[in-house]
Amino acid sequence: MSTYRPPAGAMHRIEEPLRDSMTRRFGAVIWPSFFAAGVATIMFFAVVDPIALATITWPDVEITRLAGYSIGFFMFWLCTLSACLFTAMLIAPPLPAREPTPHRDGRE
């Protein structure tokens, strides 16, 4: 025989789910994409020299090695950011159903 009683209000359900702040949502998209872009940049430029890549792709433009690394990182970041953003959009909870607004003449 148990004499345990839960505290008052412990058995009530929360009606409205907690919402994440916008900063937290941005962080959940930007930070993983930044990390993935860093890893992709390291892996890519371990094999490819940015100066050799620049002479192949843009022979008339002189790009420094640091500029090549920077351009490559931001390109990888753009790709991974779009993938993370698309994933965040897919897993977002659906919007609540809106109640129909009555017409001006009183019809529904």
Protein backbone atom coordinates (compact mmCIF):
# COMPACT_ATOMS: atom_id res chain seq x y z
CA MET A 1 0.00 0.00 0.00
CA SER A 2 1.53 3.28 -1.14
CA THR A 3 0.89 6.65 0.46
CA TYR A 4 2.64 8.65 -2.25
CA ARG A 5 0.71 11.58 -3.70
CA PRO A 6 2.10 13.65 -6.55
CA PRO A 7 2.42 17.39 -5.91
CA ALA A 8 -0.51 19.61 -6.80
CA GLY A 9 -0.56 20.40 -10.51
CA ALA A 10 1.87 17.62 -11.42
CA MET A 11 -0.76 15.62 -13.26
CA HIS A 12 -2.00 18.50 -15.43
CA ARG A 13 -0.88 18.55 -19.05
CA ILE A 14 0.73 21.62 -20.49
CA GLU A 15 -1.67 22.91 -23.11
CA GLU A 16 0.74 24.90 -25.26
CA PRO A 17 4.14 23.44 -26.22
CA LEU A 18 7.22 25.39 -25.28
CA ARG A 19 8.65 27.41 -28.14
CA ASP A 20 12.28 27.83 -29.01
CA SER A 21 13.64 31.29 -29.28
CA MET A 22 14.63 32.55 -32.70
CA THR A 23 18.27 32.80 -31.60
CA ARG A 24 18.26 29.14 -30.66
CA ARG A 25 16.77 28.18 -34.02
CA PHE A 26 19.38 30.22 -35.91
CA GLY A 27 22.10 28.59 -33.82
CA ALA A 28 20.70 25.15 -34.57
CA VAL A 29 21.07 25.86 -38.30
CA ILE A 30 24.20 28.01 -38.48
CA TRP A 31 26.50 26.14 -36.06
CA PRO A 32 26.25 22.65 -37.64
CA SER A 33 26.64 24.14 -41.12
CA PHE A 34 29.71 26.11 -39.97
CA PHE A 35 31.24 22.96 -38.48
CA ALA A 36 30.47 20.88 -41.59
CA ALA A 37 31.92 23.59 -43.85
CA GLY A 38 35.11 23.62 -41.79
CA VAL A 39 35.48 19.85 -42.08
CA ALA A 40 34.69 19.91 -45.81
CA THR A 41 37.25 22.69 -46.36
CA ILE A 42 39.94 20.74 -44.54
CA MET A 43 39.19 17.56 -46.47
CA PHE A 44 38.98 19.31 -49.85
CA PHE A 45 42.08 21.45 -49.52
CA ALA A 46 44.12 18.54 -48.17
CA VAL A 47 43.96 17.21 -51.72
CA VAL A 48 43.50 20.33 -53.88
CA ASP A 49 45.81 23.35 -53.95
CA PRO A 50 43.77 26.59 -54.16
CA ILE A 51 46.29 28.28 -56.46
CA ALA A 52 46.24 25.35 -58.91
CA LEU A 53 42.45 25.34 -58.77
CA ALA A 54 42.37 29.09 -59.47
CA THR A 55 44.67 28.79 -62.49
CA ILE A 56 42.47 26.03 -63.92
CA THR A 57 39.15 27.79 -63.35
CA TRP A 58 40.04 31.51 -63.72
CA PRO A 59 43.35 31.78 -65.60
CA ASP A 60 43.09 35.59 -65.93
CA VAL A 61 42.47 36.24 -62.21
CA GLU A 62 45.30 36.07 -59.70
CA ILE A 63 44.09 34.69 -56.37
CA THR A 64 46.22 34.20 -53.27
CA ARG A 65 46.19 30.94 -51.39
CA LEU A 66 44.38 32.56 -48.42
CA ALA A 67 41.71 33.98 -50.73
CA GLY A 68 41.25 30.52 -52.26
CA TYR A 69 40.81 28.96 -48.83
CA SER A 70 38.34 31.68 -47.85
CA ILE A 71 36.29 31.40 -51.04
CA GLY A 72 36.23 27.61 -50.68
CA PHE A 73 35.13 27.79 -47.04
CA PHE A 74 32.29 30.20 -47.79
CA MET A 75 31.14 28.09 -50.73
CA PHE A 76 31.08 24.99 -48.52
CA TRP A 77 29.31 26.98 -45.80
CA LEU A 78 26.65 28.11 -48.27
CA CYS A 79 26.06 24.51 -49.37
CA THR A 80 25.86 23.10 -45.85
CA LEU A 81 23.78 26.06 -44.62
CA SER A 82 21.18 25.42 -47.30
CA ALA A 83 21.06 21.72 -46.36
CA CYS A 84 20.66 22.50 -42.65
CA LEU A 85 18.04 25.15 -43.34
CA PHE A 86 16.06 22.76 -45.52
CA THR A 87 16.21 20.11 -42.78
CA ALA A 88 15.04 22.64 -40.17
CA MET A 89 12.11 23.59 -42.39
CA LEU A 90 11.14 19.94 -42.83
CA ILE A 91 11.17 19.09 -39.11
CA ALA A 92 9.42 22.27 -37.96
CA PRO A 93 6.10 21.59 -36.24
CA PRO A 94 3.02 22.42 -38.30
CA LEU A 95 1.33 25.74 -37.75
CA PRO A 96 -1.84 25.62 -35.64
CA ALA A 97 -5.11 25.51 -37.56
CA ARG A 98 -6.65 28.92 -38.02
CA GLU A 99 -10.27 29.50 -37.22
CA PRO A 100 -12.31 30.69 -40.18
CA THR A 101 -13.02 34.40 -40.07
CA PRO A 102 -16.63 35.40 -40.65
CA HIS A 103 -17.51 37.46 -43.71
CA ARG A 104 -18.46 41.07 -43.35
CA ASP A 105 -22.11 40.34 -44.04
CA GLY A 106 -22.28 37.72 -41.26
CA ARG A 107 -21.93 34.59 -43.42
CA GLU A 108 -19.49 31.87 -42.43
